[in-house]
Amino acid sequence: MIKIEAIIQPSKLNVVKDALIALGIAGMTVTQVHGCGRQKGRVEVHQSTEYEITFVQKLMIEIIVNDAIAGKAINLIQENAKTGKIGDGKIILSKLEDIIRIRTGEKGEAAI
């Protein structure tokens, strides 16, 4: 099992979500996050005053998938989240040892 964390532009959420649902991935967690990387923030002007925005708003989608569809899920996220501009985000992969569904006690892939 693989945990996929995708940090994406907020404007790309619906297309990424729809692509994952079409693949059969219905369970996901979406969190508002702020960060900086190569983009190094930006400068905004409000009422003639410049403000440096160091941390840029992004969304993080977290999904857990079995190994068989992990590659397809990663490709879908990459294709649908890409704008081709700096700040498109990252995909982080983690191998999972086990998962337990609290309500039923199911373990492993049955708990996904």
C-alpha atoms as a PDB file:
ATOM      1  CA  MET A   1       0.000   0.000   0.000  1.00  0.00           C
ATOM      2  CA  ILE A   2       1.127   3.514  -0.830  1.00  0.00           C
ATOM      3  CA  LYS A   3       0.189   6.852   0.699  1.00  0.00           C
ATOM      4  CA  ILE A   4       0.220   9.597  -1.916  1.00  0.00           C
ATOM      5  CA  GLU A   5       0.401  13.206  -0.788  1.00  0.00           C
ATOM      6  CA  ALA A   6      -0.046  15.673  -3.622  1.00  0.00           C
ATOM      7  CA  ILE A   7       0.535  19.366  -2.997  1.00  0.00           C
ATOM      8  CA  ILE A   8      -1.234  21.210  -5.812  1.00  0.00           C
ATOM      9  CA  GLN A   9      -2.560  24.590  -6.908  1.00  0.00           C
ATOM     10  CA  PRO A  10      -6.058  25.207  -5.433  1.00  0.00           C
ATOM     11  CA  SER A  11      -7.459  25.824  -8.923  1.00  0.00           C
ATOM     12  CA  LYS A  12      -6.579  22.238  -9.913  1.00  0.00           C
ATOM     13  CA  LEU A  13      -8.509  20.477  -7.118  1.00  0.00           C
ATOM     14  CA  ASN A  14     -11.684  19.648  -9.041  1.00  0.00           C
ATOM     15  CA  VAL A  15      -9.954  18.187 -12.106  1.00  0.00           C
ATOM     16  CA  VAL A  16      -7.585  16.103  -9.959  1.00  0.00           C
ATOM     17  CA  LYS A  17     -10.434  14.934  -7.694  1.00  0.00           C
ATOM     18  CA  ASP A  18     -12.622  13.982 -10.685  1.00  0.00           C
ATOM     19  CA  ALA A  19      -9.759  12.037 -12.305  1.00  0.00           C
ATOM     20  CA  LEU A  20      -9.094  10.094  -9.086  1.00  0.00           C
ATOM     21  CA  ILE A  21     -12.800   9.314  -8.646  1.00  0.00           C
ATOM     22  CA  ALA A  22     -12.935   8.064 -12.255  1.00  0.00           C
ATOM     23  CA  LEU A  23     -10.043   5.722 -11.397  1.00  0.00           C
ATOM     24  CA  GLY A  24     -12.104   4.345  -8.501  1.00  0.00           C
ATOM     25  CA  ILE A  25     -10.460   6.288  -5.668  1.00  0.00           C
ATOM     26  CA  ALA A  26     -13.278   7.770  -3.615  1.00  0.00           C
ATOM     27  CA  GLY A  27     -11.554   8.280  -0.266  1.00  0.00           C
ATOM     28  CA  MET A  28      -9.298  11.277   0.017  1.00  0.00           C
ATOM     29  CA  THR A  29      -8.383  13.999   2.472  1.00  0.00           C
ATOM     30  CA  VAL A  30      -7.880  17.589   1.321  1.00  0.00           C
ATOM     31  CA  THR A  31      -6.106  20.111   3.520  1.00  0.00           C
ATOM     32  CA  GLN A  32      -5.296  23.778   2.962  1.00  0.00           C
ATOM     33  CA  VAL A  33      -1.546  24.249   3.331  1.00  0.00           C
ATOM     34  CA  HIS A  34       0.912  27.123   2.890  1.00  0.00           C
ATOM     35  CA  GLY A  35       4.493  26.755   1.803  1.00  0.00           C
ATOM     36  CA  CYS A  36       7.386  27.993  -0.239  1.00  0.00           C
ATOM     37  CA  GLY A  37       9.937  26.415  -2.495  1.00  0.00           C
ATOM     38  CA  ARG A  38      11.648  27.546  -5.671  1.00  0.00           C
ATOM     39  CA  GLN A  39       8.717  29.893  -6.156  1.00  0.00           C
ATOM     40  CA  LYS A  40       9.948  31.887  -3.114  1.00  0.00           C
ATOM     41  CA  GLY A  41       6.610  33.619  -2.627  1.00  0.00           C
ATOM     42  CA  ARG A  42       5.449  36.700  -4.450  1.00  0.00           C
ATOM     43  CA  VAL A  43       4.874  40.431  -3.999  1.00  0.00           C
ATOM     44  CA  GLU A  44       1.330  41.799  -3.976  1.00  0.00           C
ATOM     45  CA  VAL A  45       0.213  45.417  -4.009  1.00  0.00           C
ATOM     46  CA  HIS A  46      -2.788  46.513  -1.962  1.00  0.00           C
ATOM     47  CA  GLN A  47      -3.742  50.213  -1.806  1.00  0.00           C
ATOM     48  CA  SER A  48      -0.320  51.266  -3.145  1.00  0.00           C
ATOM     49  CA  THR A  49       1.533  49.261  -0.474  1.00  0.00           C
ATOM     50  CA  GLU A  50       3.667  46.265  -1.415  1.00  0.00           C
ATOM     51  CA  TYR A  51       3.401  43.097   0.667  1.00  0.00           C
ATOM     52  CA  GLU A  52       5.748  40.160   0.363  1.00  0.00           C
ATOM     53  CA  ILE A  53       3.848  36.871   0.520  1.00  0.00           C
ATOM     54  CA  THR A  54       6.453  34.295   1.578  1.00  0.00           C
ATOM     55  CA  PHE A  55       4.158  31.291   1.947  1.00  0.00           C
ATOM     56  CA  VAL A  56       1.878  30.526  -0.983  1.00  0.00           C
ATOM     57  CA  GLN A  57      -1.512  28.864  -0.514  1.00  0.00           C
ATOM     58  CA  LYS A  58      -1.747  25.291  -1.837  1.00  0.00           C
ATOM     59  CA  LEU A  59      -3.907  22.233  -1.233  1.00  0.00           C
ATOM     60  CA  MET A  60      -2.688  18.821  -0.148  1.00  0.00           C
ATOM     61  CA  ILE A  61      -4.606  15.770  -1.285  1.00  0.00           C
ATOM     62  CA  GLU A  62      -3.867  12.579   0.644  1.00  0.00           C
ATOM     63  CA  ILE A  63      -4.930   9.179  -0.683  1.00  0.00           C
ATOM     64  CA  ILE A  64      -4.044   5.603   0.141  1.00  0.00           C
ATOM     65  CA  VAL A  65      -3.993   3.097  -2.701  1.00  0.00           C
ATOM     66  CA  ASN A  66      -2.890  -0.458  -3.303  1.00  0.00           C
ATOM     67  CA  ASP A  67       0.361  -0.963  -5.180  1.00  0.00           C
ATOM     68  CA  ALA A  68      -1.462  -2.065  -8.358  1.00  0.00           C
ATOM     69  CA  ILE A  69      -3.032   1.342  -9.055  1.00  0.00           C
ATOM     70  CA  ALA A  70      -0.439   3.634  -7.452  1.00  0.00           C
ATOM     71  CA  GLY A  71       1.290   4.350 -10.775  1.00  0.00           C
ATOM     72  CA  LYS A  72      -1.993   5.229 -12.486  1.00  0.00           C
ATOM     73  CA  ALA A  73      -2.997   7.523  -9.616  1.00  0.00           C
ATOM     74  CA  ILE A  74       0.374   9.298  -9.687  1.00  0.00           C
ATOM     75  CA  ASN A  75       0.172   9.811 -13.457  1.00  0.00           C
ATOM     76  CA  LEU A  76      -3.378  11.156 -13.207  1.00  0.00           C
ATOM     77  CA  ILE A  77      -2.374  13.649 -10.531  1.00  0.00           C
ATOM     78  CA  GLN A  78       0.651  14.763 -12.552  1.00  0.00           C
ATOM     79  CA  GLU A  79      -1.332  15.183 -15.774  1.00  0.00           C
ATOM     80  CA  ASN A  80      -4.259  17.009 -14.187  1.00  0.00           C
ATOM     81  CA  ALA A  81      -2.360  19.250 -11.732  1.00  0.00           C
ATOM     82  CA  LYS A  82       0.284  20.458 -14.184  1.00  0.00           C
ATOM     83  CA  THR A  83       0.159  24.038 -15.456  1.00  0.00           C
ATOM     84  CA  GLY A  84       3.746  24.069 -16.692  1.00  0.00           C
ATOM     85  CA  LYS A  85       4.568  27.028 -14.459  1.00  0.00           C
ATOM     86  CA  ILE A  86       6.688  27.210 -11.334  1.00  0.00           C
ATOM     87  CA  GLY A  87       4.680  26.305  -8.232  1.00  0.00           C
ATOM     88  CA  ASP A  88       2.760  23.336  -9.667  1.00  0.00           C
ATOM     89  CA  GLY A  89       3.529  21.366  -6.493  1.00  0.00           C
ATOM     90  CA  LYS A  90       4.934  18.024  -5.426  1.00  0.00           C
ATOM     91  CA  ILE A  91       3.876  14.386  -5.127  1.00  0.00           C
ATOM     92  CA  ILE A  92       5.213  12.553  -2.085  1.00  0.00           C
ATOM     93  CA  LEU A  93       5.044   8.761  -1.808  1.00  0.00           C
ATOM     94  CA  SER A  94       5.248   6.685   1.371  1.00  0.00           C
ATOM     95  CA  LYS A  95       5.133   2.897   1.753  1.00  0.00           C
ATOM     96  CA  LEU A  96       2.605   1.904   4.399  1.00  0.00           C
ATOM     97  CA  GLU A  97       3.078  -0.962   6.792  1.00  0.00           C
ATOM     98  CA  ASP A  98      -0.595  -1.340   7.707  1.00  0.00           C
ATOM     99  CA  ILE A  99      -3.960   0.420   7.852  1.00  0.00           C
ATOM    100  CA  ILE A 100      -6.760  -0.246  10.311  1.00  0.00           C
ATOM    101  CA  ARG A 101     -10.364   0.885   9.829  1.00  0.00           C
ATOM    102  CA  ILE A 102     -11.478   2.032  13.272  1.00  0.00           C
ATOM    103  CA  ARG A 103     -15.180   1.162  12.882  1.00  0.00           C
ATOM    104  CA  THR A 104     -14.775  -2.449  11.702  1.00  0.00           C
ATOM    105  CA  GLY A 105     -11.235  -3.392  12.656  1.00  0.00           C
ATOM    106  CA  GLU A 106     -10.440  -4.322   9.028  1.00  0.00           C
ATOM    107  CA  LYS A 107      -6.725  -4.275   8.226  1.00  0.00           C
ATOM    108  CA  GLY A 108      -4.546  -3.834   5.179  1.00  0.00           C
ATOM    109  CA  GLU A 109      -6.089  -3.379   1.727  1.00  0.00           C
ATOM    110  CA  ALA A 110      -9.545  -4.237   3.105  1.00  0.00           C
ATOM    111  CA  ALA A 111      -9.336  -1.025   5.141  1.00  0.00           C
ATOM    112  CA  ILE A 112      -8.579   1.241   2.181  1.00  0.00           C
END
